[in-house]
Amino acid sequence: MNSSSVPLLILYSKNMGRDKYILEPIEVESYSGYKLHESPRAFIYKGITYIIQEIIDRWYEGGLKPDAPVINYFKVRADNGTQYLIRYDSFHDEWTLVNRTIFKD
């Protein structure tokens, strides 16, 4: 995927200025219990498989209006000791890795 086709999500924060989040598609192995893709177990990013050792936090947004699909967020610690933020968009059935960069106008 070339950089022009990587989805961008730009958020504004009082304390941090403007943050740009780059959403990169990933493959995820997940646990499906009561619901589909209930929690991630491992993911592949840039050809490397990361085993999720811990789900540090999880939350969701959307779902209250038809035009705002539910998106589940998972802050995880992988087997390399690094923390990652991944999200699952249930409407598009798509997992993405959230990369944050800060830029100035």
PDB file of N, CA and C in Angstrom:
ATOM      1  N   MET A   1       0.850  -1.171   0.000  1.00  0.00           N
ATOM      2  CA  MET A   1       0.000   0.000   0.000  1.00  0.00           C
ATOM      3  C   MET A   1       0.891   1.227   0.000  1.00  0.00           C
ATOM      4  N   ASN A   2       0.648   2.156  -0.907  1.00  0.00           N
ATOM      5  CA  ASN A   2       1.474   3.353  -0.924  1.00  0.00           C
ATOM      6  C   ASN A   2       0.958   4.374   0.074  1.00  0.00           C
ATOM      7  N   SER A   3       1.784   5.344   0.403  1.00  0.00           N
ATOM      8  CA  SER A   3       1.439   6.283   1.466  1.00  0.00           C
ATOM      9  C   SER A   3       0.227   7.136   1.126  1.00  0.00           C
ATOM     10  N   SER A   4      -0.076   7.340  -0.144  1.00  0.00           N
ATOM     11  CA  SER A   4      -1.235   8.153  -0.503  1.00  0.00           C
ATOM     12  C   SER A   4      -2.543   7.420  -0.225  1.00  0.00           C
ATOM     13  N   SER A   5      -2.514   6.109  -0.074  1.00  0.00           N
ATOM     14  CA  SER A   5      -3.748   5.371   0.181  1.00  0.00           C
ATOM     15  C   SER A   5      -3.902   4.966   1.647  1.00  0.00           C
ATOM     16  N   VAL A   6      -2.986   5.414   2.522  1.00  0.00           N
ATOM     17  CA  VAL A   6      -3.102   5.122   3.945  1.00  0.00           C
ATOM     18  C   VAL A   6      -4.124   6.069   4.546  1.00  0.00           C
ATOM     19  N   PRO A   7      -5.164   5.545   5.207  1.00  0.00           N
ATOM     20  CA  PRO A   7      -6.176   6.414   5.795  1.00  0.00           C
ATOM     21  C   PRO A   7      -5.595   7.286   6.906  1.00  0.00           C
ATOM     22  N   LEU A   8      -6.035   8.527   6.964  1.00  0.00           N
ATOM     23  CA  LEU A   8      -5.605   9.443   8.014  1.00  0.00           C
ATOM     24  C   LEU A   8      -6.799   9.879   8.832  1.00  0.00           C
ATOM     25  N   LEU A   9      -6.611   9.988  10.133  1.00  0.00           N
ATOM     26  CA  LEU A   9      -7.628  10.495  11.039  1.00  0.00           C
ATOM     27  C   LEU A   9      -6.976  11.631  11.800  1.00  0.00           C
ATOM     28  N   ILE A  10      -7.461  12.840  11.641  1.00  0.00           N
ATOM     29  CA  ILE A  10      -6.859  13.982  12.317  1.00  0.00           C
ATOM     30  C   ILE A  10      -7.752  14.398  13.475  1.00  0.00           C
ATOM     31  N   LEU A  11      -7.164  14.444  14.675  1.00  0.00           N
ATOM     32  CA  LEU A  11      -7.879  14.840  15.875  1.00  0.00           C
ATOM     33  C   LEU A  11      -7.260  16.093  16.458  1.00  0.00           C
ATOM     34  N   TYR A  12      -8.045  16.839  17.196  1.00  0.00           N
ATOM     35  CA  TYR A  12      -7.558  18.052  17.835  1.00  0.00           C
ATOM     36  C   TYR A  12      -7.601  17.874  19.346  1.00  0.00           C
ATOM     37  N   SER A  13      -6.547  18.316  20.023  1.00  0.00           N
ATOM     38  CA  SER A  13      -6.451  18.186  21.471  1.00  0.00           C
ATOM     39  C   SER A  13      -6.006  19.523  22.050  1.00  0.00           C
ATOM     40  N   LYS A  14      -6.653  19.977  23.125  1.00  0.00           N
ATOM     41  CA  LYS A  14      -6.278  21.237  23.765  1.00  0.00           C
ATOM     42  C   LYS A  14      -4.836  21.207  24.250  1.00  0.00           C
ATOM     43  N   ASN A  15      -4.422  20.106  24.817  1.00  0.00           N
ATOM     44  CA  ASN A  15      -3.111  20.013  25.447  1.00  0.00           C
ATOM     45  C   ASN A  15      -1.980  19.664  24.495  1.00  0.00           C
ATOM     46  N   MET A  16      -2.270  18.965  23.422  1.00  0.00           N
ATOM     47  CA  MET A  16      -1.211  18.457  22.555  1.00  0.00           C
ATOM     48  C   MET A  16      -1.217  19.072  21.165  1.00  0.00           C
ATOM     49  N   GLY A  17      -2.090  20.011  20.906  1.00  0.00           N
ATOM     50  CA  GLY A  17      -2.153  20.562  19.564  1.00  0.00           C
ATOM     51  C   GLY A  17      -2.880  19.609  18.639  1.00  0.00           C
ATOM     52  N   ARG A  18      -2.463  19.603  17.403  1.00  0.00           N
ATOM     53  CA  ARG A  18      -3.133  18.752  16.420  1.00  0.00           C
ATOM     54  C   ARG A  18      -2.349  17.462  16.260  1.00  0.00           C
ATOM     55  N   ASP A  19      -3.017  16.353  16.413  1.00  0.00           N
ATOM     56  CA  ASP A  19      -2.398  15.033  16.267  1.00  0.00           C
ATOM     57  C   ASP A  19      -2.923  14.384  14.994  1.00  0.00           C
ATOM     58  N   LYS A  20      -2.034  13.719  14.292  1.00  0.00           N
ATOM     59  CA  LYS A  20      -2.413  13.002  13.080  1.00  0.00           C
ATOM     60  C   LYS A  20      -2.249  11.514  13.357  1.00  0.00           C
ATOM     61  N   TYR A  21      -3.316  10.771  13.182  1.00  0.00           N
ATOM     62  CA  TYR A  21      -3.282   9.334  13.391  1.00  0.00           C
ATOM     63  C   TYR A  21      -3.307   8.647  12.040  1.00  0.00           C
ATOM     64  N   ILE A  22      -2.333   7.807  11.799  1.00  0.00           N
ATOM     65  CA  ILE A  22      -2.265   7.040  10.570  1.00  0.00           C
ATOM     66  C   ILE A  22      -2.792   5.642  10.867  1.00  0.00           C
ATOM     67  N   LEU A  23      -3.798   5.218  10.128  1.00  0.00           N
ATOM     68  CA  LEU A  23      -4.414   3.913  10.332  1.00  0.00           C
ATOM     69  C   LEU A  23      -3.853   2.955   9.293  1.00  0.00           C
ATOM     70  N   GLU A  24      -3.079   1.979   9.751  1.00  0.00           N
ATOM     71  CA  GLU A  24      -2.446   1.020   8.848  1.00  0.00           C
ATOM     72  C   GLU A  24      -3.132  -0.337   8.963  1.00  0.00           C
ATOM     73  N   PRO A  25      -3.581  -0.901   7.858  1.00  0.00           N
ATOM     74  CA  PRO A  25      -4.246  -2.213   7.893  1.00  0.00           C
ATOM     75  C   PRO A  25      -3.319  -3.299   8.437  1.00  0.00           C
ATOM     76  N   ILE A  26      -3.861  -4.159   9.274  1.00  0.00           N
ATOM     77  CA  ILE A  26      -3.121  -5.299   9.828  1.00  0.00           C
ATOM     78  C   ILE A  26      -4.005  -6.537   9.769  1.00  0.00           C
ATOM     79  N   GLU A  27      -3.365  -7.694   9.854  1.00  0.00           N
ATOM     80  CA  GLU A  27      -4.096  -8.958   9.993  1.00  0.00           C
ATOM     81  C   GLU A  27      -4.096  -9.307  11.471  1.00  0.00           C
ATOM     82  N   VAL A  28      -5.238  -9.775  11.972  1.00  0.00           N
ATOM     83  CA  VAL A  28      -5.362 -10.070  13.399  1.00  0.00           C
ATOM     84  C   VAL A  28      -5.957 -11.452  13.599  1.00  0.00           C
ATOM     85  N   GLU A  29      -5.360 -12.191  14.523  1.00  0.00           N
ATOM     86  CA  GLU A  29      -5.960 -13.433  15.015  1.00  0.00           C
ATOM     87  C   GLU A  29      -6.687 -13.049  16.285  1.00  0.00           C
ATOM     88  N   SER A  30      -7.986 -13.316  16.321  1.00  0.00           N
ATOM     89  CA  SER A  30      -8.765 -12.865  17.475  1.00  0.00           C
ATOM     90  C   SER A  30      -9.579 -13.991  18.084  1.00  0.00           C
ATOM     91  N   TYR A  31      -9.974 -13.759  19.318  1.00  0.00           N
ATOM     92  CA  TYR A  31     -10.877 -14.667  20.026  1.00  0.00           C
ATOM     93  C   TYR A  31     -12.300 -14.210  19.747  1.00  0.00           C
ATOM     94  N   SER A  32     -13.145 -15.139  19.353  1.00  0.00           N
ATOM     95  CA  SER A  32     -14.554 -14.846  19.150  1.00  0.00           C
ATOM     96  C   SER A  32     -15.348 -15.720  20.099  1.00  0.00           C
ATOM     97  N   GLY A  33     -15.869 -15.094  21.130  1.00  0.00           N
ATOM     98  CA  GLY A  33     -16.670 -15.809  22.119  1.00  0.00           C
ATOM     99  C   GLY A  33     -18.119 -15.416  21.955  1.00  0.00           C
ATOM    100  N   TYR A  34     -18.609 -14.603  22.861  1.00  0.00           N
ATOM    101  CA  TYR A  34     -19.981 -14.122  22.816  1.00  0.00           C
ATOM    102  C   TYR A  34     -20.235 -13.312  21.555  1.00  0.00           C
ATOM    103  N   LYS A  35     -19.208 -12.553  21.112  1.00  0.00           N
ATOM    104  CA  LYS A  35     -19.346 -11.781  19.880  1.00  0.00           C
ATOM    105  C   LYS A  35     -18.121 -11.978  19.002  1.00  0.00           C
ATOM    106  N   LEU A  36     -18.268 -11.646  17.720  1.00  0.00           N
ATOM    107  CA  LEU A  36     -17.194 -11.790  16.753  1.00  0.00           C
ATOM    108  C   LEU A  36     -16.055 -10.834  17.095  1.00  0.00           C
ATOM    109  N   HIS A  37     -14.828 -11.302  16.987  1.00  0.00           N
ATOM    110  CA  HIS A  37     -13.628 -10.500  17.251  1.00  0.00           C
ATOM    111  C   HIS A  37     -13.673  -9.830  18.627  1.00  0.00           C
ATOM    112  N   GLU A  38     -13.991 -10.627  19.629  1.00  0.00           N
ATOM    113  CA  GLU A  38     -14.130 -10.103  20.992  1.00  0.00           C
ATOM    114  C   GLU A  38     -12.834  -9.512  21.529  1.00  0.00           C
ATOM    115  N   SER A  39     -11.707 -10.174  21.245  1.00  0.00           N
ATOM    116  CA  SER A  39     -10.413  -9.632  21.676  1.00  0.00           C
ATOM    117  C   SER A  39      -9.297 -10.188  20.788  1.00  0.00           C
ATOM    118  N   PRO A  40      -8.305  -9.347  20.503  1.00  0.00           N
ATOM    119  CA  PRO A  40      -7.201  -9.789  19.644  1.00  0.00           C
ATOM    120  C   PRO A  40      -6.226 -10.674  20.410  1.00  0.00           C
ATOM    121  N   ARG A  41      -5.622 -11.639  19.720  1.00  0.00           N
ATOM    122  CA  ARG A  41      -4.623 -12.541  20.318  1.00  0.00           C
ATOM    123  C   ARG A  41      -3.238 -12.332  19.718  1.00  0.00           C
ATOM    124  N   ALA A  42      -3.190 -11.986  18.425  1.00  0.00           N
ATOM    125  CA  ALA A  42      -1.922 -11.746  17.716  1.00  0.00           C
ATOM    126  C   ALA A  42      -2.239 -10.899  16.497  1.00  0.00           C
ATOM    127  N   PHE A  43      -1.206 -10.216  15.984  1.00  0.00           N
ATOM    128  CA  PHE A  43      -1.401  -9.446  14.760  1.00  0.00           C
ATOM    129  C   PHE A  43      -0.128  -9.460  13.921  1.00  0.00           C
ATOM    130  N   ILE A  44      -0.313  -9.260  12.623  1.00  0.00           N
ATOM    131  CA  ILE A  44       0.811  -9.204  11.687  1.00  0.00           C
ATOM    132  C   ILE A  44       0.906  -7.774  11.175  1.00  0.00           C
ATOM    133  N   TYR A  45       2.078  -7.171  11.380  1.00  0.00           N
ATOM    134  CA  TYR A  45       2.333  -5.807  10.945  1.00  0.00           C
ATOM    135  C   TYR A  45       3.651  -5.778  10.183  1.00  0.00           C
ATOM    136  N   LYS A  46       3.585  -5.341   8.934  1.00  0.00           N
ATOM    137  CA  LYS A  46       4.760  -5.287   8.057  1.00  0.00           C
ATOM    138  C   LYS A  46       5.506  -6.616   8.005  1.00  0.00           C
ATOM    139  N   GLY A  47       4.739  -7.704   7.932  1.00  0.00           N
ATOM    140  CA  GLY A  47       5.315  -9.034   7.773  1.00  0.00           C
ATOM    141  C   GLY A  47       5.795  -9.694   9.053  1.00  0.00           C
ATOM    142  N   ILE A  48       5.674  -9.029  10.188  1.00  0.00           N
ATOM    143  CA  ILE A  48       6.126  -9.582  11.472  1.00  0.00           C
ATOM    144  C   ILE A  48       4.911  -9.918  12.322  1.00  0.00           C
ATOM    145  N   THR A  49       4.913 -11.119  12.910  1.00  0.00           N
ATOM    146  CA  THR A  49       3.821 -11.531  13.797  1.00  0.00           C
ATOM    147  C   THR A  49       4.143 -11.130  15.229  1.00  0.00           C
ATOM    148  N   TYR A  50       3.201 -10.469  15.875  1.00  0.00           N
ATOM    149  CA  TYR A  50       3.322 -10.052  17.266  1.00  0.00           C
ATOM    150  C   TYR A  50       2.260 -10.782  18.077  1.00  0.00           C
ATOM    151  N   ILE A  51       2.700 -11.472  19.122  1.00  0.00           N
ATOM    152  CA  ILE A  51       1.778 -12.152  20.022  1.00  0.00           C
ATOM    153  C   ILE A  51       1.390 -11.170  21.122  1.00  0.00           C
ATOM    154  N   ILE A  52       0.101 -11.023  21.349  1.00  0.00           N
ATOM    155  CA  ILE A  52      -0.368 -10.098  22.382  1.00  0.00           C
ATOM    156  C   ILE A  52      -0.258 -10.762  23.744  1.00  0.00           C
ATOM    157  N   GLN A  53       0.541 -10.165  24.597  1.00  0.00           N
ATOM    158  CA  GLN A  53       0.758 -10.672  25.944  1.00  0.00           C
ATOM    159  C   GLN A  53      -0.273 -10.128  26.933  1.00  0.00           C
ATOM    160  N   GLU A  54      -0.741  -8.904  26.671  1.00  0.00           N
ATOM    161  CA  GLU A  54      -1.664  -8.263  27.613  1.00  0.00           C
ATOM    162  C   GLU A  54      -2.528  -7.243  26.887  1.00  0.00           C
ATOM    163  N   ILE A  55      -3.799  -7.212  27.230  1.00  0.00           N
ATOM    164  CA  ILE A  55      -4.667  -6.120  26.811  1.00  0.00           C
ATOM    165  C   ILE A  55      -4.674  -5.138  27.971  1.00  0.00           C
ATOM    166  N   ILE A  56      -4.030  -3.996  27.777  1.00  0.00           N
ATOM    167  CA  ILE A  56      -3.873  -3.004  28.838  1.00  0.00           C
ATOM    168  C   ILE A  56      -5.166  -2.233  29.062  1.00  0.00           C
ATOM    169  N   ASP A  57      -5.830  -1.902  27.975  1.00  0.00           N
ATOM    170  CA  ASP A  57      -7.079  -1.135  28.056  1.00  0.00           C
ATOM    171  C   ASP A  57      -7.893  -1.426  26.810  1.00  0.00           C
ATOM    172  N   ARG A  58      -9.170  -1.184  26.899  1.00  0.00           N
ATOM    173  CA  ARG A  58     -10.055  -1.351  25.751  1.00  0.00           C
ATOM    174  C   ARG A  58     -11.236  -0.422  25.905  1.00  0.00           C
ATOM    175  N   TRP A  59     -11.725   0.099  24.783  1.00  0.00           N
ATOM    176  CA  TRP A  59     -12.880   0.977  24.795  1.00  0.00           C
ATOM    177  C   TRP A  59     -13.488   0.972  23.400  1.00  0.00           C
ATOM    178  N   TYR A  60     -14.637   1.590  23.278  1.00  0.00           N
ATOM    179  CA  TYR A  60     -15.274   1.657  21.967  1.00  0.00           C
ATOM    180  C   TYR A  60     -15.853   3.044  21.772  1.00  0.00           C
ATOM    181  N   GLU A  61     -16.105   3.367  20.519  1.00  0.00           N
ATOM    182  CA  GLU A  61     -16.777   4.620  20.190  1.00  0.00           C
ATOM    183  C   GLU A  61     -17.811   4.332  19.121  1.00  0.00           C
ATOM    184  N   GLY A  62     -18.765   5.241  18.988  1.00  0.00           N
ATOM    185  CA  GLY A  62     -19.794   5.100  17.963  1.00  0.00           C
ATOM    186  C   GLY A  62     -20.910   4.183  18.392  1.00  0.00           C
ATOM    187  N   GLY A  63     -21.783   3.897  17.436  1.00  0.00           N
ATOM    188  CA  GLY A  63     -22.879   2.974  17.673  1.00  0.00           C
ATOM    189  C   GLY A  63     -24.176   3.616  18.112  1.00  0.00           C
ATOM    190  N   LEU A  64     -24.134   4.899  18.475  1.00  0.00           N
ATOM    191  CA  LEU A  64     -25.363   5.553  18.924  1.00  0.00           C
ATOM    192  C   LEU A  64     -26.204   6.073  17.773  1.00  0.00           C
ATOM    193  N   LYS A  65     -25.558   6.320  16.643  1.00  0.00           N
ATOM    194  CA  LYS A  65     -26.261   6.783  15.447  1.00  0.00           C
ATOM    195  C   LYS A  65     -25.943   5.823  14.302  1.00  0.00           C
ATOM    196  N   PRO A  66     -26.873   5.679  13.363  1.00  0.00           N
ATOM    197  CA  PRO A  66     -26.635   4.754  12.244  1.00  0.00           C
ATOM    198  C   PRO A  66     -25.390   5.101  11.423  1.00  0.00           C
ATOM    199  N   ASP A  67     -25.042   6.377  11.339  1.00  0.00           N
ATOM    200  CA  ASP A  67     -23.876   6.775  10.545  1.00  0.00           C
ATOM    201  C   ASP A  67     -22.581   6.754  11.350  1.00  0.00           C
ATOM    202  N   ALA A  68     -22.622   6.262  12.581  1.00  0.00           N
ATOM    203  CA  ALA A  68     -21.429   6.160  13.426  1.00  0.00           C
ATOM    204  C   ALA A  68     -21.253   4.710  13.869  1.00  0.00           C
ATOM    205  N   PRO A  69     -20.577   3.894  13.042  1.00  0.00           N
ATOM    206  CA  PRO A  69     -20.423   2.477  13.389  1.00  0.00           C
ATOM    207  C   PRO A  69     -19.565   2.284  14.639  1.00  0.00           C
ATOM    208  N   VAL A  70     -19.732   1.167  15.284  1.00  0.00           N
ATOM    209  CA  VAL A  70     -18.947   0.844  16.479  1.00  0.00           C
ATOM    210  C   VAL A  70     -17.512   0.535  16.078  1.00  0.00           C
ATOM    211  N   ILE A  71     -16.577   1.185  16.747  1.00  0.00           N
ATOM    212  CA  ILE A  71     -15.159   0.912  16.555  1.00  0.00           C
ATOM    213  C   ILE A  71     -14.582   0.557  17.923  1.00  0.00           C
ATOM    214  N   ASN A  72     -13.992  -0.640  18.008  1.00  0.00           N
ATOM    215  CA  ASN A  72     -13.396  -1.119  19.257  1.00  0.00           C
ATOM    216  C   ASN A  72     -11.895  -0.842  19.244  1.00  0.00           C
ATOM    217  N   TYR A  73     -11.398  -0.260  20.329  1.00  0.00           N
ATOM    218  CA  TYR A  73      -9.972   0.037  20.477  1.00  0.00           C
ATOM    219  C   TYR A  73      -9.366  -0.886  21.519  1.00  0.00           C
ATOM    220  N   PHE A  74      -8.133  -1.320  21.276  1.00  0.00           N
ATOM    221  CA  PHE A  74      -7.404  -2.181  22.207  1.00  0.00           C
ATOM    222  C   PHE A  74      -5.987  -1.638  22.356  1.00  0.00           C
ATOM    223  N   LYS A  75      -5.633  -1.251  23.563  1.00  0.00           N
ATOM    224  CA  LYS A  75      -4.247  -0.890  23.852  1.00  0.00           C
ATOM    225  C   LYS A  75      -3.608  -2.169  24.364  1.00  0.00           C
ATOM    226  N   VAL A  76      -2.593  -2.659  23.643  1.00  0.00           N
ATOM    227  CA  VAL A  76      -2.021  -3.975  23.939  1.00  0.00           C
ATOM    228  C   VAL A  76      -0.508  -3.896  24.141  1.00  0.00           C
ATOM    229  N   ARG A  77       0.021  -4.888  24.828  1.00  0.00           N
ATOM    230  CA  ARG A  77       1.465  -5.082  24.942  1.00  0.00           C
ATOM    231  C   ARG A  77       1.792  -6.376  24.214  1.00  0.00           C
ATOM    232  N   ALA A  78       2.715  -6.274  23.253  1.00  0.00           N
ATOM    233  CA  ALA A  78       3.093  -7.440  22.448  1.00  0.00           C
ATOM    234  C   ALA A  78       4.288  -8.152  23.066  1.00  0.00           C
ATOM    235  N   ASP A  79       4.634  -9.292  22.475  1.00  0.00           N
ATOM    236  CA  ASP A  79       5.730 -10.114  22.992  1.00  0.00           C
ATOM    237  C   ASP A  79       7.096  -9.444  22.871  1.00  0.00           C
ATOM    238  N   ASN A  80       7.192  -8.339  22.143  1.00  0.00           N
ATOM    239  CA  ASN A  80       8.455  -7.599  22.077  1.00  0.00           C
ATOM    240  C   ASN A  80       8.524  -6.502  23.142  1.00  0.00           C
ATOM    241  N   GLY A  81       7.503  -6.419  24.004  1.00  0.00           N
ATOM    242  CA  GLY A  81       7.474  -5.448  25.092  1.00  0.00           C
ATOM    243  C   GLY A  81       6.907  -4.092  24.710  1.00  0.00           C
ATOM    244  N   THR A  82       6.597  -3.889  23.442  1.00  0.00           N
ATOM    245  CA  THR A  82       6.087  -2.606  22.964  1.00  0.00           C
ATOM    246  C   THR A  82       4.574  -2.547  23.087  1.00  0.00           C
ATOM    247  N   GLN A  83       4.057  -1.344  23.391  1.00  0.00           N
ATOM    248  CA  GLN A  83       2.623  -1.124  23.437  1.00  0.00           C
ATOM    249  C   GLN A  83       2.146  -0.647  22.072  1.00  0.00           C
ATOM    250  N   TYR A  84       0.991  -1.146  21.663  1.00  0.00           N
ATOM    251  CA  TYR A  84       0.377  -0.773  20.394  1.00  0.00           C
ATOM    252  C   TYR A  84      -1.085  -0.441  20.634  1.00  0.00           C
ATOM    253  N   LEU A  85      -1.625   0.423  19.791  1.00  0.00           N
ATOM    254  CA  LEU A  85      -3.048   0.702  19.798  1.00  0.00           C
ATOM    255  C   LEU A  85      -3.608   0.161  18.491  1.00  0.00           C
ATOM    256  N   ILE A  86      -4.505  -0.810  18.609  1.00  0.00           N
ATOM    257  CA  ILE A  86      -5.148  -1.379  17.423  1.00  0.00           C
ATOM    258  C   ILE A  86      -6.652  -1.174  17.558  1.00  0.00           C
ATOM    259  N   ARG A  87      -7.323  -1.163  16.419  1.00  0.00           N
ATOM    260  CA  ARG A  87      -8.770  -0.936  16.448  1.00  0.00           C
ATOM    261  C   ARG A  87      -9.471  -1.852  15.459  1.00  0.00           C
ATOM    262  N   TYR A  88     -10.703  -2.165  15.790  1.00  0.00           N
ATOM    263  CA  TYR A  88     -11.528  -3.007  14.928  1.00  0.00           C
ATOM    264  C   TYR A  88     -12.777  -2.234  14.546  1.00  0.00           C
ATOM    265  N   ASP A  89     -12.958  -2.032  13.257  1.00  0.00           N
ATOM    266  CA  ASP A  89     -14.132  -1.369  12.706  1.00  0.00           C
ATOM    267  C   ASP A  89     -15.103  -2.471  12.284  1.00  0.00           C
ATOM    268  N   SER A  90     -16.146  -2.666  13.073  1.00  0.00           N
ATOM    269  CA  SER A  90     -17.065  -3.781  12.817  1.00  0.00           C
ATOM    270  C   SER A  90     -17.893  -3.578  11.550  1.00  0.00           C
ATOM    271  N   PHE A  91     -18.177  -2.346  11.175  1.00  0.00           N
ATOM    272  CA  PHE A  91     -18.968  -2.090   9.977  1.00  0.00           C
ATOM    273  C   PHE A  91     -18.217  -2.534   8.718  1.00  0.00           C
ATOM    274  N   HIS A  92     -16.919  -2.249   8.671  1.00  0.00           N
ATOM    275  CA  HIS A  92     -16.095  -2.628   7.522  1.00  0.00           C
ATOM    276  C   HIS A  92     -15.343  -3.939   7.728  1.00  0.00           C
ATOM    277  N   ASP A  93     -15.502  -4.538   8.923  1.00  0.00           N
ATOM    278  CA  ASP A  93     -14.782  -5.764   9.285  1.00  0.00           C
ATOM    279  C   ASP A  93     -13.290  -5.591   8.998  1.00  0.00           C
ATOM    280  N   GLU A  94     -12.708  -4.533   9.591  1.00  0.00           N
ATOM    281  CA  GLU A  94     -11.330  -4.176   9.300  1.00  0.00           C
ATOM    282  C   GLU A  94     -10.555  -3.848  10.585  1.00  0.00           C
ATOM    283  N   TRP A  95      -9.362  -4.432  10.705  1.00  0.00           N
ATOM    284  CA  TRP A  95      -8.440  -4.137  11.797  1.00  0.00           C
ATOM    285  C   TRP A  95      -7.372  -3.167  11.296  1.00  0.00           C
ATOM    286  N   THR A  96      -7.014  -2.193  12.140  1.00  0.00           N
ATOM    287  CA  THR A  96      -5.944  -1.264  11.796  1.00  0.00           C
ATOM    288  C   THR A  96      -5.081  -0.992  13.014  1.00  0.00           C
ATOM    289  N   LEU A  97      -3.818  -0.681  12.750  1.00  0.00           N
ATOM    290  CA  LEU A  97      -2.881  -0.240  13.766  1.00  0.00           C
ATOM    291  C   LEU A  97      -2.900   1.279  13.745  1.00  0.00           C
ATOM    292  N   VAL A  98      -3.014   1.911  14.916  1.00  0.00           N
ATOM    293  CA  VAL A  98      -3.065   3.356  15.013  1.00  0.00           C
ATOM    294  C   VAL A  98      -1.666   3.876  15.321  1.00  0.00           C
ATOM    295  N   ASN A  99      -1.088   4.640  14.386  1.00  0.00           N
ATOM    296  CA  ASN A  99       0.207   5.280  14.583  1.00  0.00           C
ATOM    297  C   ASN A  99      -0.016   6.762  14.754  1.00  0.00           C
ATOM    298  N   ARG A 100       0.558   7.336  15.792  1.00  0.00           N
ATOM    299  CA  ARG A 100       0.365   8.759  16.054  1.00  0.00           C
ATOM    300  C   ARG A 100       1.634   9.537  15.759  1.00  0.00           C
ATOM    301  N   THR A 101       1.464  10.635  15.052  1.00  0.00           N
ATOM    302  CA  THR A 101       2.562  11.567  14.832  1.00  0.00           C
ATOM    303  C   THR A 101       2.043  12.966  15.109  1.00  0.00           C
ATOM    304  N   ILE A 102       2.909  13.830  15.587  1.00  0.00           N
ATOM    305  CA  ILE A 102       2.504  15.215  15.867  1.00  0.00           C
ATOM    306  C   ILE A 102       3.158  16.095  14.814  1.00  0.00           C
ATOM    307  N   PHE A 103       2.378  17.006  14.266  1.00  0.00           N
ATOM    308  CA  PHE A 103       2.925  17.916  13.270  1.00  0.00           C
ATOM    309  C   PHE A 103       2.471  19.336  13.578  1.00  0.00           C
ATOM    310  N   LYS A 104       3.177  20.308  13.024  1.00  0.00           N
ATOM    311  CA  LYS A 104       2.828  21.711  13.215  1.00  0.00           C
ATOM    312  C   LYS A 104       2.283  22.261  11.918  1.00  0.00           C
ATOM    313  N   ASP A 105       1.419  23.276  12.037  1.00  0.00           N
ATOM    314  CA  ASP A 105       0.873  23.931  10.840  1.00  0.00           C
ATOM    315  C   ASP A 105       1.967  24.591  10.039  1.00  0.00           C
TER     316      ASP A 105
END
